[in-house]
Amino acid sequence: MKLKANAKINLLLDITGVKENGYHSLFTIMQSVSLGDEVTVERTQGEEITVSCNVSGVPTDKSNIVYKCAEKFFQYSHIEKDKGIHIHIDKKTPFGAGMGGGSADGAAVLVALNKLFGTAYHEKILCRIGAMVGADIPFCIVGGTALCLDTGAIVAPLEDMEGYTILIVKPQSSVSTKEAYAAVDALTDMKHPKNQQMLQLLSDGRWSSALKLCSNVFEQAIEIPGRVDIKDICNKNGAAAACMTGSGSAVFGIFENAEDAQKAADILKDKFKEIYICAPSKQGVEILSE
């Protein structure tokens, strides 16, 4: 089975507190995009889970999220025999970018295994299994536009984003999520986004007003070389919003006009190698072939 694992961007990202277990409570609005990895999942003889990837440097052992998702799926399902599978990842989403590429791959594996092993679990069950592995996985299963709360595992779908073009630029540097959260924790005067106002605007379908409120608290804590330039060029070329996604380092611009997005991309390509033009997606995982 071949699936498309769509990446995500954070239209808004706020940290509202720290839980007793040390995890951070989030208020974040996520959006699936049409840029994504292709994940192939095949049943094999025996009981072994194997992983391969077209990009060197991506782990293919038990540390990969897709392996962990498969393991949790079989544990939850009490499937012990004839559970051999091979997972191949054709990587297209930049990693170290804050776009949830690994989480999207894990989501795709859960969707595939649910089909291949005939478990017919509801989406909510797949989200429950995914949350055991990573906080972004439930959103990547649900996809579209959604408010995500707590560690990110509580997902409330919102009205779909339609008609926009999204430009994504990945600077050369990557960001350690652990270090990014430590930097946020060290802030003494964090300025919080207008969470409720943006949520209300999206609930009313007022996208153009909502996009003006795109914000990410990590931008207050970490410096990404090139981020200011990317946002500036996006804004000067008519972007409805320009913001960093996740804990970085990718920066996105959202445009009402595809030609404006292309103009910004043409200017930025002289300085940045990883530039992607994509669209909003209503799905987190797409089945390409069974």
Protein backbone atom coordinates (compact mmCIF):
# COMPACT_ATOMS: atom_id res chain seq x y z
CA MET A 1 0.00 0.00 0.00
CA LYS A 2 1.31 3.44 -0.95
CA LEU A 3 0.27 6.55 0.97
CA LYS A 4 1.03 10.27 0.94
CA ALA A 5 1.97 11.62 4.38
CA ASN A 6 1.19 15.32 4.24
CA ALA A 7 3.33 17.71 6.27
CA LYS A 8 1.86 20.42 8.50
CA ILE A 9 2.41 24.06 9.35
CA ASN A 10 1.39 25.88 12.53
CA LEU A 11 -0.78 28.87 11.69
CA LEU A 12 -0.63 29.76 15.37
CA LEU A 13 1.50 28.26 18.14
CA ASP A 14 1.32 29.24 21.79
CA ILE A 15 2.62 27.59 24.95
CA THR A 16 0.07 27.96 27.73
CA GLY A 17 1.86 26.15 30.54
CA VAL A 18 4.02 23.26 31.69
CA LYS A 19 2.41 20.06 32.96
CA GLU A 20 3.50 18.10 36.03
CA ASN A 21 5.21 15.53 33.81
CA GLY A 22 7.34 18.27 32.24
CA TYR A 23 5.51 18.35 28.90
CA HIS A 24 4.28 21.69 27.60
CA SER A 25 0.60 22.55 27.15
CA LEU A 26 -0.06 23.98 23.71
CA PHE A 27 -2.70 26.01 21.95
CA THR A 28 -1.94 25.55 18.29
CA ILE A 29 -3.82 25.74 15.00
CA MET A 30 -2.35 23.34 12.46
CA GLN A 31 -2.81 23.09 8.73
CA SER A 32 -2.02 20.13 6.46
CA VAL A 33 -0.18 20.98 3.24
CA SER A 34 0.19 19.15 -0.05
CA LEU A 35 3.95 18.72 0.46
CA GLY A 36 4.57 15.28 1.91
CA ASP A 37 6.51 12.03 1.94
CA GLU A 38 5.38 8.90 0.13
CA VAL A 39 5.20 5.91 2.45
CA THR A 40 4.89 2.32 1.21
CA VAL A 41 3.82 -0.40 3.64
CA GLU A 42 3.93 -4.07 2.60
CA ARG A 43 3.30 -7.28 4.48
CA THR A 44 6.23 -9.70 4.57
CA GLN A 45 6.93 -13.21 5.81
CA GLY A 46 7.67 -13.63 9.51
CA GLU A 47 7.28 -11.16 12.36
CA GLU A 48 9.94 -8.53 11.65
CA ILE A 49 9.37 -4.79 11.13
CA THR A 50 11.89 -3.33 8.68
CA VAL A 51 12.35 0.25 7.51
CA SER A 52 14.14 1.83 4.53
CA CYS A 53 14.43 5.39 3.25
CA ASN A 54 15.67 7.05 0.08
CA VAL A 55 17.56 9.70 2.10
CA SER A 56 20.73 8.89 4.02
CA GLY A 57 20.82 10.08 7.61
CA VAL A 58 17.21 9.10 8.35
CA PRO A 59 17.30 6.30 10.95
CA THR A 60 15.90 2.98 9.78
CA ASP A 61 16.07 1.19 13.12
CA LYS A 62 13.73 1.07 16.13
CA SER A 63 14.29 4.78 16.78
CA ASN A 64 12.29 5.81 13.68
CA ILE A 65 8.75 7.01 14.44
CA VAL A 66 7.28 4.66 11.82
CA TYR A 67 8.80 1.65 13.59
CA LYS A 68 7.43 2.85 16.94
CA CYS A 69 3.98 3.39 15.46
CA ALA A 70 3.93 -0.11 13.97
CA GLU A 71 5.08 -1.58 17.27
CA LYS A 72 2.36 0.26 19.22
CA PHE A 73 -0.27 -0.77 16.66
CA PHE A 74 0.55 -4.46 17.06
CA GLN A 75 0.67 -4.16 20.86
CA TYR A 76 -2.72 -2.42 20.95
CA SER A 77 -4.23 -4.93 18.51
CA HIS A 78 -2.70 -7.97 20.27
CA ILE A 79 -1.40 -9.13 16.89
CA GLU A 80 1.54 -11.42 17.55
CA LYS A 81 1.75 -13.70 14.51
CA ASP A 82 2.25 -13.01 10.80
CA LYS A 83 2.90 -9.34 11.53
CA GLY A 84 5.95 -8.93 9.29
CA ILE A 85 5.96 -5.61 7.42
CA HIS A 86 8.37 -3.48 5.42
CA ILE A 87 8.04 0.30 5.45
CA HIS A 88 9.75 2.43 2.81
CA ILE A 89 9.87 6.22 3.14
CA ASP A 90 10.36 8.32 0.02
CA LYS A 91 11.37 11.56 1.77
CA LYS A 92 10.16 14.84 0.28
CA THR A 93 9.37 16.89 3.41
CA PRO A 94 12.47 18.66 4.79
CA PHE A 95 13.50 17.38 8.20
CA GLY A 96 14.49 19.56 11.13
CA ALA A 97 11.96 22.03 9.75
CA GLY A 98 9.09 21.96 12.26
CA MET A 99 6.76 20.46 9.65
CA GLY A 100 5.97 17.16 11.35
CA GLY A 101 7.45 14.99 8.60
CA GLY A 102 8.22 12.05 10.88
CA SER A 103 4.85 12.31 12.62
CA ALA A 104 3.08 12.33 9.24
CA ASP A 105 4.97 9.19 8.23
CA GLY A 106 3.91 7.53 11.48
CA ALA A 107 0.29 8.54 10.85
CA ALA A 108 0.46 7.01 7.36
CA VAL A 109 1.76 3.73 8.78
CA LEU A 110 -1.12 3.53 11.27
CA VAL A 111 -3.65 4.16 8.51
CA ALA A 112 -2.00 1.49 6.34
CA LEU A 113 -1.82 -1.14 9.07
CA ASN A 114 -5.48 -0.58 9.94
CA LYS A 115 -6.29 -1.52 6.33
CA LEU A 116 -3.74 -4.28 5.82
CA PHE A 117 -4.65 -6.14 9.01
CA GLY A 118 -8.41 -5.55 8.78
CA THR A 119 -8.75 -4.03 12.23
CA ALA A 120 -11.22 -1.36 11.01
CA TYR A 121 -10.39 0.96 13.89
CA HIS A 122 -12.15 4.31 14.02
CA GLU A 123 -9.95 7.37 13.46
CA LYS A 124 -10.18 8.12 17.20
CA ILE A 125 -8.53 4.79 18.02
CA LEU A 126 -5.73 5.41 15.55
CA CYS A 127 -5.22 8.82 17.17
CA ARG A 128 -5.06 7.16 20.59
CA ILE A 129 -2.35 4.77 19.37
CA GLY A 130 -0.47 7.59 17.64
CA ALA A 131 -0.51 9.77 20.76
CA MET A 132 1.47 7.05 22.55
CA VAL A 133 4.33 7.75 20.13
CA GLY A 134 4.19 11.48 19.33
CA ALA A 135 1.97 14.48 20.06
CA ASP A 136 1.67 15.58 16.40
CA ILE A 137 0.57 12.17 15.11
CA PRO A 138 -3.15 12.52 15.95
CA PHE A 139 -3.35 15.74 13.95
CA CYS A 140 -1.48 14.13 11.06
CA ILE A 141 -4.11 11.36 11.05
CA VAL A 142 -7.06 13.78 11.14
CA GLY A 143 -5.48 16.41 8.86
CA GLY A 144 -7.03 19.51 7.34
CA THR A 145 -7.30 22.55 9.60
CA ALA A 146 -7.58 21.92 13.34
CA LEU A 147 -7.14 23.34 16.80
CA CYS A 148 -4.79 21.15 18.83
CA LEU A 149 -4.59 21.40 22.62
CA ASP A 150 -2.70 20.01 25.61
CA THR A 151 0.45 18.32 24.26
CA GLY A 152 -1.16 18.52 20.82
CA ALA A 153 -3.00 15.22 21.02
CA ILE A 154 -6.47 16.80 21.47
CA VAL A 155 -7.63 17.63 17.93
CA ALA A 156 -10.70 19.71 17.05
CA PRO A 157 -11.28 20.10 13.28
CA LEU A 158 -12.02 23.58 11.91
CA GLU A 159 -13.31 24.88 8.59
CA ASP A 160 -10.95 23.97 5.74
CA MET A 161 -8.51 26.46 4.28
CA GLU A 162 -9.19 26.81 0.56
CA GLY A 163 -7.91 28.87 -2.34
CA TYR A 164 -4.55 29.88 -0.87
CA THR A 165 -1.01 29.14 -2.07
CA ILE A 166 1.62 28.32 0.53
CA LEU A 167 5.32 29.07 0.07
CA ILE A 168 7.66 27.20 2.42
CA VAL A 169 11.34 28.04 2.79
CA LYS A 170 13.69 25.84 4.82
CA PRO A 171 16.85 27.71 5.89
CA GLN A 172 20.07 25.70 6.00
CA SER A 173 20.06 25.49 9.79
CA SER A 174 17.83 23.04 11.67
CA VAL A 175 16.48 23.32 15.20
CA SER A 176 16.57 20.89 18.11
CA THR A 177 13.04 20.71 19.53
CA LYS A 178 14.42 20.09 23.00
CA GLU A 179 16.66 23.17 22.82
CA ALA A 180 13.82 25.28 21.41
CA TYR A 181 11.55 24.45 24.35
CA ALA A 182 14.39 25.18 26.78
CA ALA A 183 14.82 28.60 25.15
CA VAL A 184 11.09 29.31 25.46
CA ASP A 185 11.15 28.27 29.13
CA ALA A 186 13.92 30.81 29.71
CA LEU A 187 11.80 33.71 28.41
CA THR A 188 10.87 36.16 31.16
CA ASP A 189 8.25 38.14 29.25
CA MET A 190 6.57 35.93 26.67
CA LYS A 191 4.03 37.70 24.47
CA HIS A 192 1.12 35.39 23.74
CA PRO A 193 -0.74 35.33 20.41
CA LYS A 194 -4.40 36.32 20.12
CA ASN A 195 -5.54 32.72 20.47
CA GLN A 196 -9.26 33.09 21.10
CA GLN A 197 -9.64 35.88 18.57
CA MET A 198 -8.05 33.84 15.80
CA LEU A 199 -10.09 30.77 16.74
CA GLN A 200 -13.31 32.76 16.59
CA LEU A 201 -12.42 34.21 13.19
CA LEU A 202 -11.69 30.76 11.80
CA SER A 203 -14.92 29.41 13.30
CA ASP A 204 -16.75 32.19 11.44
CA GLY A 205 -14.89 31.37 8.20
CA ARG A 206 -13.19 34.77 8.16
CA TRP A 207 -9.88 33.51 6.83
CA SER A 208 -8.39 36.79 5.60
CA SER A 209 -8.81 38.38 9.05
CA ALA A 210 -7.62 35.25 10.86
CA LEU A 211 -4.40 34.99 8.87
CA LYS A 212 -3.36 38.45 10.06
CA LEU A 213 -3.05 36.90 13.53
CA CYS A 214 -0.64 34.08 12.57
CA SER A 215 2.01 33.91 15.29
CA ASN A 216 4.54 31.55 16.86
CA VAL A 217 5.99 32.05 20.37
CA PHE A 218 9.19 30.21 19.39
CA GLU A 219 10.14 33.20 17.25
CA GLN A 220 10.63 35.14 20.50
CA ALA A 221 13.09 32.59 21.85
CA ILE A 222 15.25 31.28 18.99
CA GLU A 223 17.12 32.94 16.15
CA ILE A 224 17.06 31.38 12.71
CA PRO A 225 19.47 32.89 10.18
CA GLY A 226 17.43 34.14 7.25
CA ARG A 227 14.05 34.03 8.96
CA VAL A 228 13.58 37.81 9.03
CA ASP A 229 14.53 38.10 5.34
CA ILE A 230 12.13 35.34 4.31
CA LYS A 231 9.21 36.91 6.17
CA ASP A 232 10.07 40.36 4.82
CA ILE A 233 10.16 39.21 1.19
CA CYS A 234 6.90 37.28 1.63
CA ASN A 235 5.20 40.33 3.13
CA LYS A 236 6.52 42.69 0.46
CA ASN A 237 5.08 40.38 -2.19
CA GLY A 238 1.59 40.39 -0.79
CA ALA A 239 1.54 37.51 1.71
CA ALA A 240 -1.57 37.32 3.86
CA ALA A 241 0.66 35.81 6.57
CA ALA A 242 4.33 34.98 7.11
CA CYS A 243 5.46 32.94 10.10
CA MET A 244 7.79 30.21 11.31
CA THR A 245 6.28 26.76 11.76
CA GLY A 246 6.71 24.54 14.82
CA SER A 247 9.99 25.00 16.63
CA GLY A 248 11.58 25.87 13.28
CA SER A 249 13.39 26.26 11.10
CA ALA A 250 11.00 26.41 8.12
CA VAL A 251 9.16 29.68 7.44
CA PHE A 252 5.95 29.88 5.43
CA GLY A 253 4.13 32.60 3.53
CA ILE A 254 0.43 32.27 2.71
CA PHE A 255 -0.73 34.00 -0.48
CA GLU A 256 -4.14 34.65 -1.99
CA ASN A 257 -2.47 34.87 -5.39
CA ALA A 258 -0.26 32.05 -6.71
CA GLU A 259 1.68 34.50 -8.88
CA ASP A 260 2.70 36.51 -5.80
CA ALA A 261 3.96 33.32 -4.14
CA GLN A 262 6.04 32.54 -7.23
CA LYS A 263 7.51 36.05 -7.26
CA ALA A 264 8.60 35.68 -3.65
CA ALA A 265 10.05 32.23 -4.39
CA ASP A 266 12.03 33.59 -7.36
CA ILE A 267 13.61 36.25 -5.15
CA LEU A 268 14.37 33.83 -2.32
CA LYS A 269 15.93 31.11 -4.48
CA ASP A 270 19.15 33.11 -4.75
CA LYS A 271 19.74 32.66 -1.02
CA PHE A 272 17.90 29.46 -0.11
CA LYS A 273 18.05 26.01 -1.71
CA GLU A 274 14.98 24.40 -0.15
CA ILE A 275 11.90 26.24 -1.42
CA TYR A 276 8.51 24.61 -1.88
CA ILE A 277 5.23 25.92 -3.29
CA CYS A 278 2.24 23.91 -2.19
CA ALA A 279 -1.45 24.13 -1.29
CA PRO A 280 -3.56 23.52 1.80
CA SER A 281 -4.74 19.93 2.11
CA LYS A 282 -7.98 18.65 3.63
CA GLN A 283 -6.29 15.35 4.53
CA GLY A 284 -3.37 14.34 6.68
CA VAL A 285 -2.94 10.96 4.97
CA GLU A 286 -3.93 10.12 1.40
CA ILE A 287 -4.09 6.54 0.12
CA LEU A 288 -2.45 6.50 -3.32
CA SER A 289 -2.77 2.78 -4.04
CA GLU A 290 -3.81 -0.36 -2.15
